[in-house]
Amino acid sequence: MSETTSTDLLYGLHPVLEALRAKDCGLHRIYLEQGRRGRVVDEILGLAKARHVPVAFEAREGLDRRAGTARHQGAVGVAAAKAYLSLDDLLESISGLDAPLLLVLDGIEDPHNLGAILRTAEAAGAQGVILPTRRAVGLTATVAKVSAGAVEHLSVARVVNLAQAIERLKEARFWIYGLDAKGTRGYAEVDYRGPVALVVGGEGRGLRPLVAGRCDGTVRIPMRGKVESLNVSVATAIVLYEILRQRAGTNALTRAVP
């Protein structure tokens, strides 16, 4: 499934370069023509690395199909629907809350799933979402549309390494719970009333072992029928609303000081 629409795309070497130079970089991913060289390409690669914007190389024919035109100069940028925050900026934005709720997404690839998850997260009272830079869809126009405006009300951070990001969240006194089909406890058996980050894996593969291993615990949703799993956006909604249910009219707990 394509992650882009025509409104997501930026064509041309210099437009892509200027987008990378901007203070609030609006690019989620860049595609360059295989074999293309030069000063502008080198600058694009350097700035993309510094800003953690993934770059992929494609044959000219592939870029033509992606852009829907041959007038792209060997460079196509995928625009984000809004600017991403750094993890530190996200944490700073919620530092005054007693029991913040964050969602960490480990490789959601379908823009419709991501949009639905963002919509539910905002409705359930989450303050922010953390996405990886690679092997995951970002804040494209399709995602923003499916979110029904929720993306405008959520802080979204993008990180290179989710496992390291989880350790940073622990330092900020969050409890980290991974949603996993083989979780050690049922999702309703956990106390979510303190600062919590819910970690959700990608479609099909679920949580990566390295990410699951950094969680304080893993939770599962009981399955009584013949199907083995739920759609990731549905599963996420179930747990988010359990968190909301527990927090209704309760006092927040805090992570114990080590």
C-alpha atoms as a PDB file:
ATOM      1  CA  MET A   1       0.000   0.000   0.000  1.00  0.00           C
ATOM      2  CA  SER A   2       1.344   3.411  -0.930  1.00  0.00           C
ATOM      3  CA  GLU A   3       2.152   5.715   1.971  1.00  0.00           C
ATOM      4  CA  THR A   4       1.745   8.887  -0.077  1.00  0.00           C
ATOM      5  CA  THR A   5      -0.730  10.958  -2.008  1.00  0.00           C
ATOM      6  CA  SER A   6       0.104  13.620  -4.571  1.00  0.00           C
ATOM      7  CA  THR A   7      -0.201  16.306  -1.881  1.00  0.00           C
ATOM      8  CA  ASP A   8       2.574  14.657   0.137  1.00  0.00           C
ATOM      9  CA  LEU A   9       5.282  14.969  -2.511  1.00  0.00           C
ATOM     10  CA  LEU A  10       7.986  17.557  -3.086  1.00  0.00           C
ATOM     11  CA  TYR A  11       9.903  17.326  -6.393  1.00  0.00           C
ATOM     12  CA  GLY A  12      13.380  18.531  -7.350  1.00  0.00           C
ATOM     13  CA  LEU A  13      16.856  18.664  -5.861  1.00  0.00           C
ATOM     14  CA  HIS A  14      16.701  22.261  -4.672  1.00  0.00           C
ATOM     15  CA  PRO A  15      13.167  22.129  -3.190  1.00  0.00           C
ATOM     16  CA  VAL A  16      14.168  19.015  -1.222  1.00  0.00           C
ATOM     17  CA  LEU A  17      17.380  20.711  -0.082  1.00  0.00           C
ATOM     18  CA  GLU A  18      15.543  23.863   1.049  1.00  0.00           C
ATOM     19  CA  ALA A  19      13.043  21.771   2.993  1.00  0.00           C
ATOM     20  CA  LEU A  20      15.943  20.121   4.831  1.00  0.00           C
ATOM     21  CA  ARG A  21      17.508  23.513   5.552  1.00  0.00           C
ATOM     22  CA  ALA A  22      14.313  24.854   7.135  1.00  0.00           C
ATOM     23  CA  LYS A  23      14.197  25.145  10.933  1.00  0.00           C
ATOM     24  CA  ASP A  24      11.147  22.886  11.134  1.00  0.00           C
ATOM     25  CA  CYS A  25      12.073  20.231   8.612  1.00  0.00           C
ATOM     26  CA  GLY A  26       8.862  19.113   6.965  1.00  0.00           C
ATOM     27  CA  LEU A  27      10.197  15.933   5.353  1.00  0.00           C
ATOM     28  CA  HIS A  28       9.444  12.435   6.493  1.00  0.00           C
ATOM     29  CA  ARG A  29      11.404  10.526   3.803  1.00  0.00           C
ATOM     30  CA  ILE A  30      13.536  11.243   0.708  1.00  0.00           C
ATOM     31  CA  TYR A  31      13.986   9.202  -2.476  1.00  0.00           C
ATOM     32  CA  LEU A  32      16.996   9.874  -4.718  1.00  0.00           C
ATOM     33  CA  GLU A  33      17.868   8.527  -8.140  1.00  0.00           C
ATOM     34  CA  GLN A  34      20.436   5.756  -8.120  1.00  0.00           C
ATOM     35  CA  GLY A  35      23.809   6.911  -9.360  1.00  0.00           C
ATOM     36  CA  ARG A  36      23.087  10.642  -9.107  1.00  0.00           C
ATOM     37  CA  ARG A  37      26.052  12.597  -7.734  1.00  0.00           C
ATOM     38  CA  GLY A  38      26.988  16.208  -7.132  1.00  0.00           C
ATOM     39  CA  ARG A  39      27.286  18.932  -4.510  1.00  0.00           C
ATOM     40  CA  VAL A  40      23.536  19.293  -3.990  1.00  0.00           C
ATOM     41  CA  VAL A  41      23.089  15.549  -3.570  1.00  0.00           C
ATOM     42  CA  ASP A  42      25.950  15.459  -1.066  1.00  0.00           C
ATOM     43  CA  GLU A  43      24.366  18.301   0.908  1.00  0.00           C
ATOM     44  CA  ILE A  44      20.992  16.568   0.881  1.00  0.00           C
ATOM     45  CA  LEU A  45      22.582  13.380   2.213  1.00  0.00           C
ATOM     46  CA  GLY A  46      24.463  15.269   4.933  1.00  0.00           C
ATOM     47  CA  LEU A  47      21.444  17.240   6.138  1.00  0.00           C
ATOM     48  CA  ALA A  48      19.165  14.200   5.962  1.00  0.00           C
ATOM     49  CA  LYS A  49      21.546  12.272   8.185  1.00  0.00           C
ATOM     50  CA  ALA A  50      21.763  15.139  10.675  1.00  0.00           C
ATOM     51  CA  ARG A  51      17.976  15.485  10.803  1.00  0.00           C
ATOM     52  CA  HIS A  52      17.320  11.719  10.879  1.00  0.00           C
ATOM     53  CA  VAL A  53      15.328  11.788   7.637  1.00  0.00           C
ATOM     54  CA  PRO A  54      15.582   8.372   5.932  1.00  0.00           C
ATOM     55  CA  VAL A  55      16.916   8.326   2.364  1.00  0.00           C
ATOM     56  CA  ALA A  56      16.289   5.563  -0.178  1.00  0.00           C
ATOM     57  CA  PHE A  57      17.735   5.198  -3.679  1.00  0.00           C
ATOM     58  CA  GLU A  58      15.614   4.125  -6.649  1.00  0.00           C
ATOM     59  CA  ALA A  59      16.047   3.681 -10.385  1.00  0.00           C
ATOM     60  CA  ARG A  60      14.842   6.563 -12.551  1.00  0.00           C
ATOM     61  CA  GLU A  61      11.787   4.596 -13.652  1.00  0.00           C
ATOM     62  CA  GLY A  62      10.785   3.995 -10.046  1.00  0.00           C
ATOM     63  CA  LEU A  63      11.023   7.690  -9.215  1.00  0.00           C
ATOM     64  CA  ASP A  64       8.938   8.523 -12.305  1.00  0.00           C
ATOM     65  CA  ARG A  65       6.185   6.208 -11.050  1.00  0.00           C
ATOM     66  CA  ARG A  66       6.427   7.502  -7.489  1.00  0.00           C
ATOM     67  CA  ALA A  67       6.259  11.139  -8.529  1.00  0.00           C
ATOM     68  CA  GLY A  68       3.800  10.671 -11.374  1.00  0.00           C
ATOM     69  CA  THR A  69       6.088  12.801 -13.540  1.00  0.00           C
ATOM     70  CA  ALA A  70       9.585  12.689 -15.034  1.00  0.00           C
ATOM     71  CA  ARG A  71      10.286  16.287 -13.954  1.00  0.00           C
ATOM     72  CA  HIS A  72      11.676  15.474 -10.505  1.00  0.00           C
ATOM     73  CA  GLN A  73      15.442  15.974 -11.141  1.00  0.00           C
ATOM     74  CA  GLY A  74      16.186  12.699  -9.385  1.00  0.00           C
ATOM     75  CA  ALA A  75      14.826  13.789  -5.999  1.00  0.00           C
ATOM     76  CA  VAL A  76      11.435  13.257  -4.368  1.00  0.00           C
ATOM     77  CA  GLY A  77      10.650  14.254  -0.801  1.00  0.00           C
ATOM     78  CA  VAL A  78       7.684  12.968   1.190  1.00  0.00           C
ATOM     79  CA  ALA A  79       6.292  15.827   3.244  1.00  0.00           C
ATOM     80  CA  ALA A  80       5.107  15.367   6.813  1.00  0.00           C
ATOM     81  CA  ALA A  81       1.660  16.621   7.775  1.00  0.00           C
ATOM     82  CA  LYS A  82       3.258  18.453  10.717  1.00  0.00           C
ATOM     83  CA  ALA A  83       6.729  18.933  12.128  1.00  0.00           C
ATOM     84  CA  TYR A  84       8.135  16.260  14.417  1.00  0.00           C
ATOM     85  CA  LEU A  85       9.502  16.974  17.876  1.00  0.00           C
ATOM     86  CA  SER A  86      12.649  15.524  19.397  1.00  0.00           C
ATOM     87  CA  LEU A  87      12.068  13.145  22.300  1.00  0.00           C
ATOM     88  CA  ASP A  88      13.487  15.697  24.741  1.00  0.00           C
ATOM     89  CA  ASP A  89      11.123  18.374  23.417  1.00  0.00           C
ATOM     90  CA  LEU A  90       8.192  16.000  23.780  1.00  0.00           C
ATOM     91  CA  LEU A  91       9.112  15.214  27.372  1.00  0.00           C
ATOM     92  CA  GLU A  92       9.558  18.897  28.132  1.00  0.00           C
ATOM     93  CA  SER A  93       6.087  19.646  26.766  1.00  0.00           C
ATOM     94  CA  ILE A  94       4.457  17.242  29.250  1.00  0.00           C
ATOM     95  CA  SER A  95       6.777  17.806  32.203  1.00  0.00           C
ATOM     96  CA  GLY A  96       4.073  19.501  34.292  1.00  0.00           C
ATOM     97  CA  LEU A  97       1.597  16.597  34.114  1.00  0.00           C
ATOM     98  CA  ASP A  98       1.152  14.177  37.006  1.00  0.00           C
ATOM     99  CA  ALA A  99       0.336  11.132  34.876  1.00  0.00           C
ATOM    100  CA  PRO A 100       1.175  11.654  31.210  1.00  0.00           C
ATOM    101  CA  LEU A 101       0.298   8.951  28.692  1.00  0.00           C
ATOM    102  CA  LEU A 102       2.485   8.299  25.654  1.00  0.00           C
ATOM    103  CA  LEU A 103       2.180   5.830  22.817  1.00  0.00           C
ATOM    104  CA  VAL A 104       5.302   4.244  21.307  1.00  0.00           C
ATOM    105  CA  LEU A 105       4.758   2.628  17.901  1.00  0.00           C
ATOM    106  CA  ASP A 106       7.268  -0.010  16.815  1.00  0.00           C
ATOM    107  CA  GLY A 107       6.980  -0.023  13.032  1.00  0.00           C
ATOM    108  CA  ILE A 108       3.400   0.706  11.949  1.00  0.00           C
ATOM    109  CA  GLU A 109       3.561   0.630   8.127  1.00  0.00           C
ATOM    110  CA  ASP A 110      -0.048   1.163   7.018  1.00  0.00           C
ATOM    111  CA  PRO A 111      -1.018   4.868   6.978  1.00  0.00           C
ATOM    112  CA  HIS A 112      -4.659   3.996   7.659  1.00  0.00           C
ATOM    113  CA  ASN A 113      -3.677   2.089  10.786  1.00  0.00           C
ATOM    114  CA  LEU A 114      -1.489   4.936  11.992  1.00  0.00           C
ATOM    115  CA  GLY A 115      -4.216   7.494  11.351  1.00  0.00           C
ATOM    116  CA  ALA A 116      -6.768   5.397  13.234  1.00  0.00           C
ATOM    117  CA  ILE A 117      -4.355   4.915  16.149  1.00  0.00           C
ATOM    118  CA  LEU A 118      -3.674   8.658  16.381  1.00  0.00           C
ATOM    119  CA  ARG A 119      -7.407   9.379  16.376  1.00  0.00           C
ATOM    120  CA  THR A 120      -8.015   6.932  19.221  1.00  0.00           C
ATOM    121  CA  ALA A 121      -4.943   8.054  21.180  1.00  0.00           C
ATOM    122  CA  GLU A 122      -6.101  11.662  21.157  1.00  0.00           C
ATOM    123  CA  ALA A 123      -9.655  10.691  22.115  1.00  0.00           C
ATOM    124  CA  ALA A 124      -8.361   8.561  25.016  1.00  0.00           C
ATOM    125  CA  GLY A 125      -6.281  11.419  26.420  1.00  0.00           C
ATOM    126  CA  ALA A 126      -2.758  10.544  25.287  1.00  0.00           C
ATOM    127  CA  GLN A 127      -0.442  13.543  25.076  1.00  0.00           C
ATOM    128  CA  GLY A 128       2.095  12.250  22.575  1.00  0.00           C
ATOM    129  CA  VAL A 129       3.258   9.543  20.203  1.00  0.00           C
ATOM    130  CA  ILE A 130       6.775   8.310  19.444  1.00  0.00           C
ATOM    131  CA  LEU A 131       7.613   6.916  15.995  1.00  0.00           C
ATOM    132  CA  PRO A 132      10.805   5.359  14.601  1.00  0.00           C
ATOM    133  CA  THR A 133      12.511   6.970  11.630  1.00  0.00           C
ATOM    134  CA  ARG A 134      12.849   3.726   9.655  1.00  0.00           C
ATOM    135  CA  ARG A 135      10.560   0.903   8.546  1.00  0.00           C
ATOM    136  CA  ALA A 136       7.471   2.833   9.564  1.00  0.00           C
ATOM    137  CA  VAL A 137       4.999   5.230   8.015  1.00  0.00           C
ATOM    138  CA  GLY A 138       5.184   8.830   9.169  1.00  0.00           C
ATOM    139  CA  LEU A 139       2.821  11.791   9.310  1.00  0.00           C
ATOM    140  CA  THR A 140       1.741  11.852   5.688  1.00  0.00           C
ATOM    141  CA  ALA A 141      -1.350  13.612   4.386  1.00  0.00           C
ATOM    142  CA  THR A 142      -3.140  10.259   4.276  1.00  0.00           C
ATOM    143  CA  VAL A 143      -2.393   9.676   7.956  1.00  0.00           C
ATOM    144  CA  ALA A 144      -3.587  13.173   8.846  1.00  0.00           C
ATOM    145  CA  LYS A 145      -6.838  12.656   6.934  1.00  0.00           C
ATOM    146  CA  VAL A 146      -7.595   9.298   8.574  1.00  0.00           C
ATOM    147  CA  SER A 147      -6.815  10.772  12.005  1.00  0.00           C
ATOM    148  CA  ALA A 148      -9.743  13.196  11.491  1.00  0.00           C
ATOM    149  CA  GLY A 149      -7.705  16.114  12.829  1.00  0.00           C
ATOM    150  CA  ALA A 150      -6.242  14.299  15.827  1.00  0.00           C
ATOM    151  CA  VAL A 151      -2.692  14.761  14.501  1.00  0.00           C
ATOM    152  CA  GLU A 152      -3.037  18.506  15.152  1.00  0.00           C
ATOM    153  CA  HIS A 153      -3.663  17.891  18.859  1.00  0.00           C
ATOM    154  CA  LEU A 154      -0.925  15.337  19.550  1.00  0.00           C
ATOM    155  CA  SER A 155       2.792  15.902  19.970  1.00  0.00           C
ATOM    156  CA  VAL A 156       4.672  13.460  17.746  1.00  0.00           C
ATOM    157  CA  ALA A 157       8.363  12.696  18.219  1.00  0.00           C
ATOM    158  CA  ARG A 158      10.524  10.689  15.849  1.00  0.00           C
ATOM    159  CA  VAL A 159      13.562   8.758  17.084  1.00  0.00           C
ATOM    160  CA  VAL A 160      16.325   6.713  15.497  1.00  0.00           C
ATOM    161  CA  ASN A 161      16.440   4.007  18.184  1.00  0.00           C
ATOM    162  CA  LEU A 162      13.258   2.951  19.986  1.00  0.00           C
ATOM    163  CA  ALA A 163      15.082   0.833  22.564  1.00  0.00           C
ATOM    164  CA  GLN A 164      17.166   3.828  23.616  1.00  0.00           C
ATOM    165  CA  ALA A 165      14.053   6.008  23.630  1.00  0.00           C
ATOM    166  CA  ILE A 166      12.395   3.595  26.058  1.00  0.00           C
ATOM    167  CA  GLU A 167      15.381   3.861  28.398  1.00  0.00           C
ATOM    168  CA  ARG A 168      15.041   7.639  28.226  1.00  0.00           C
ATOM    169  CA  LEU A 169      11.367   7.337  29.158  1.00  0.00           C
ATOM    170  CA  LYS A 170      12.303   5.217  32.164  1.00  0.00           C
ATOM    171  CA  GLU A 171      14.697   7.945  33.275  1.00  0.00           C
ATOM    172  CA  ALA A 172      11.709  10.298  33.086  1.00  0.00           C
ATOM    173  CA  ARG A 173       9.848   7.927  35.462  1.00  0.00           C
ATOM    174  CA  PHE A 174       7.500   6.335  32.985  1.00  0.00           C
ATOM    175  CA  TRP A 175       6.295   2.771  33.342  1.00  0.00           C
ATOM    176  CA  ILE A 176       6.641   0.997  29.994  1.00  0.00           C
ATOM    177  CA  TYR A 177       4.140  -1.679  28.933  1.00  0.00           C
ATOM    178  CA  GLY A 178       4.338  -3.533  25.644  1.00  0.00           C
ATOM    179  CA  LEU A 179       1.228  -4.894  23.950  1.00  0.00           C
ATOM    180  CA  ASP A 180       2.099  -8.382  22.772  1.00  0.00           C
ATOM    181  CA  ALA A 181       0.129 -11.509  21.878  1.00  0.00           C
ATOM    182  CA  LYS A 182       2.401 -13.469  24.237  1.00  0.00           C
ATOM    183  CA  GLY A 183       2.263 -10.915  27.041  1.00  0.00           C
ATOM    184  CA  THR A 184       2.815 -12.134  30.585  1.00  0.00           C
ATOM    185  CA  ARG A 185      -0.374 -10.512  31.937  1.00  0.00           C
ATOM    186  CA  GLY A 186      -3.822  -9.653  30.700  1.00  0.00           C
ATOM    187  CA  TYR A 187      -4.132  -6.024  29.674  1.00  0.00           C
ATOM    188  CA  ALA A 188      -6.663  -5.282  32.447  1.00  0.00           C
ATOM    189  CA  GLU A 189      -4.419  -6.705  35.206  1.00  0.00           C
ATOM    190  CA  VAL A 190      -1.958  -3.788  35.160  1.00  0.00           C
ATOM    191  CA  ASP A 191      -2.189  -0.500  37.075  1.00  0.00           C
ATOM    192  CA  TYR A 192      -1.888   2.278  34.490  1.00  0.00           C
ATOM    193  CA  ARG A 193      -2.567   5.244  36.772  1.00  0.00           C
ATOM    194  CA  GLY A 194       0.955   6.668  36.781  1.00  0.00           C
ATOM    195  CA  PRO A 195       3.107   8.016  33.949  1.00  0.00           C
ATOM    196  CA  VAL A 196       2.727   5.305  31.296  1.00  0.00           C
ATOM    197  CA  ALA A 197       4.065   4.609  27.820  1.00  0.00           C
ATOM    198  CA  LEU A 198       2.237   1.922  25.864  1.00  0.00           C
ATOM    199  CA  VAL A 199       4.415   0.228  23.239  1.00  0.00           C
ATOM    200  CA  VAL A 200       2.671  -1.316  20.233  1.00  0.00           C
ATOM    201  CA  GLY A 201       4.296  -3.420  17.516  1.00  0.00           C
ATOM    202  CA  GLY A 202       3.840  -3.300  13.773  1.00  0.00           C
ATOM    203  CA  GLU A 203       1.363  -5.196  11.646  1.00  0.00           C
ATOM    204  CA  GLY A 204       2.059  -8.904  11.473  1.00  0.00           C
ATOM    205  CA  ARG A 205       5.365  -9.080  13.339  1.00  0.00           C
ATOM    206  CA  GLY A 206       4.304  -7.357  16.573  1.00  0.00           C
ATOM    207  CA  LEU A 207       6.940  -6.073  18.979  1.00  0.00           C
ATOM    208  CA  ARG A 208      10.558  -6.688  18.075  1.00  0.00           C
ATOM    209  CA  PRO A 209      12.360  -8.709  20.779  1.00  0.00           C
ATOM    210  CA  LEU A 210      14.847  -5.908  21.479  1.00  0.00           C
ATOM    211  CA  VAL A 211      12.004  -3.464  22.095  1.00  0.00           C
ATOM    212  CA  ALA A 212       9.896  -5.916  24.120  1.00  0.00           C
ATOM    213  CA  GLY A 213      12.905  -6.675  26.294  1.00  0.00           C
ATOM    214  CA  ARG A 214      13.171  -3.027  27.368  1.00  0.00           C
ATOM    215  CA  CYS A 215       9.579  -2.868  28.606  1.00  0.00           C
ATOM    216  CA  ASP A 216       8.727  -3.139  32.306  1.00  0.00           C
ATOM    217  CA  GLY A 217       6.130  -5.722  31.340  1.00  0.00           C
ATOM    218  CA  THR A 218       4.089  -7.037  28.432  1.00  0.00           C
ATOM    219  CA  VAL A 219       0.305  -7.369  28.290  1.00  0.00           C
ATOM    220  CA  ARG A 220      -1.996  -9.415  26.080  1.00  0.00           C
ATOM    221  CA  ILE A 221      -5.605  -9.204  24.949  1.00  0.00           C
ATOM    222  CA  PRO A 222      -7.499 -12.488  25.509  1.00  0.00           C
ATOM    223  CA  MET A 223      -8.658 -14.132  22.284  1.00  0.00           C
ATOM    224  CA  ARG A 224     -11.614 -16.502  22.536  1.00  0.00           C
ATOM    225  CA  GLY A 225     -12.456 -16.969  18.862  1.00  0.00           C
ATOM    226  CA  LYS A 226     -10.681 -18.728  16.033  1.00  0.00           C
ATOM    227  CA  VAL A 227      -8.714 -15.738  14.717  1.00  0.00           C
ATOM    228  CA  GLU A 228      -5.272 -15.313  16.237  1.00  0.00           C
ATOM    229  CA  SER A 229      -4.990 -11.551  16.378  1.00  0.00           C
ATOM    230  CA  LEU A 230      -6.783  -8.216  16.103  1.00  0.00           C
ATOM    231  CA  ASN A 231      -6.046  -5.320  13.788  1.00  0.00           C
ATOM    232  CA  VAL A 232      -3.338  -3.233  15.442  1.00  0.00           C
ATOM    233  CA  SER A 233      -5.486  -0.109  15.650  1.00  0.00           C
ATOM    234  CA  VAL A 234      -8.308  -2.060  17.319  1.00  0.00           C
ATOM    235  CA  ALA A 235      -5.946  -3.709  19.806  1.00  0.00           C
ATOM    236  CA  THR A 236      -4.398  -0.363  20.675  1.00  0.00           C
ATOM    237  CA  ALA A 237      -7.846   1.160  21.231  1.00  0.00           C
ATOM    238  CA  ILE A 238      -8.827  -1.605  23.663  1.00  0.00           C
ATOM    239  CA  VAL A 239      -5.825  -0.991  25.912  1.00  0.00           C
ATOM    240  CA  LEU A 240      -5.988   2.806  25.668  1.00  0.00           C
ATOM    241  CA  TYR A 241      -9.571   2.785  26.879  1.00  0.00           C
ATOM    242  CA  GLU A 242      -8.681   0.475  29.763  1.00  0.00           C
ATOM    243  CA  ILE A 243      -6.079   3.068  30.741  1.00  0.00           C
ATOM    244  CA  LEU A 244      -8.713   5.798  30.482  1.00  0.00           C
ATOM    245  CA  ARG A 245     -11.173   3.732  32.544  1.00  0.00           C
ATOM    246  CA  GLN A 246      -8.631   3.231  35.339  1.00  0.00           C
ATOM    247  CA  ARG A 247      -7.698   6.885  35.424  1.00  0.00           C
ATOM    248  CA  ALA A 248     -11.238   8.214  35.690  1.00  0.00           C
ATOM    249  CA  GLY A 249     -11.520   9.811  39.130  1.00  0.00           C
ATOM    250  CA  THR A 250      -8.236   8.378  40.441  1.00  0.00           C
ATOM    251  CA  ASN A 251      -5.087   9.945  41.812  1.00  0.00           C
ATOM    252  CA  ALA A 252      -1.902   9.420  39.827  1.00  0.00           C
ATOM    253  CA  LEU A 253       0.894   7.179  41.033  1.00  0.00           C
ATOM    254  CA  THR A 254       4.533   7.889  40.230  1.00  0.00           C
ATOM    255  CA  ARG A 255       7.458   5.706  39.278  1.00  0.00           C
ATOM    256  CA  ALA A 256       9.446   4.743  42.335  1.00  0.00           C
ATOM    257  CA  VAL A 257      12.873   6.323  42.635  1.00  0.00           C
ATOM    258  CA  PRO A 258      15.519   3.613  42.023  1.00  0.00           C
END
